[in-house]
Amino acid sequence: MEETRVETDEEGVVIVPAYSYYGIQTRRALSAYPSVNHRMQPEWVVAASQTKKAWIRLSVHSLKIPSRVGSLLIRSAEEIEQGRWHDQIKAFPTLDGTGTAYQNNLNEVLINRALELLGESKGDYALLDPVTYDALEQPDAMFLGISSVLAMLALMEKGQAACELAGVEPERFQQWIRRLEAVQIGRCPSELMKLLATDTDRKLQWNSSGSRMSEVIPELAGEIEGIIATKVQRSSGAEMPNRLLKQILGEVAGFRTTIAHLIEDGAETTGPMAAYCILEILDRISKTKEVVPR
């Protein structure tokens, strides 16, 4: 029988697996959103950890987080960057439309790992509580914006073959990379941007007068989506399983609907959501290279 632990918050009591680094908030999300257990591409998890690590470092510098606690949280974040604990990130950026569940999940993993490093039990939040530890919390739009651009850059570079498979010209691909590196995230502390530039080795124009992320990424994503849709439609006459075709076309249609709703609502997270959706589609297309004709 699986060992469990009990966690409580102002809403009540929740049973959590004893081994888990996620906690009560993520467990509630597992109940509220059946699709929450979706496994993300690792670049997304690493980018989120890089974003959070820079925020923690900034909070330590501004004395909002004690240096000892900060060093443990940073160590936890670096472990995620090295590939550990990815299976504990159950929420994903588009889960609730705001990124709150995604950030809460990451905060719980960081804090429970830090507690473990302190010799405490996971879920023993007397020292550190992911719900009330405000210094760890970033504005969702900032957290999603930064981590989405970092993830999209990493995946676009790694996934050039997928873009080419979708019919993207190499020159166009390089233009996309340059546009992403120059995107304006929004209101972010300059100190945070400097830390991120150092940590990620990216010369990003965070506070430039260029286009905002909410303008650039939906436009970029729509362009890629159009190329992919055309490519898939042209594949319909080839020897390609109908079931696979329907899956891809359904995912493209789902992407189009998601982004249309976000733009209509004027959501601050439109850019990050578009980034996440289109890269999921690219990843899906890349896995069909044996059956999708060039």
Foldseek 3Di string as FASTA:
>chain_A
DFDWDWAADPVGIDIGGQPALFDDLLVVLVVVFVQLQDQDDLLLQLLLLLLLLLLLVVCCVVVLDPPLLSVQLNVQSVVSNVPPPSSQQRGDCPSPPQSPSRLLSSLSNSVQSSCVVVVHGRNPPPPPDSVPSCSSDDRSLLSLLRSLLSSLLVLLVVLVVLLVLLVDDPVVSVVLNVCSQAAASPDDDPSSVVSSCVVSVGNRNHHDPDHHLLPSQVVVLVVSLVSNVVQLVVLVVPPDDPVLSVVLVVLSVVLVVVLVVCVVVVDSCSRSSSSRSSSVSSVSSVVCSVRRDD
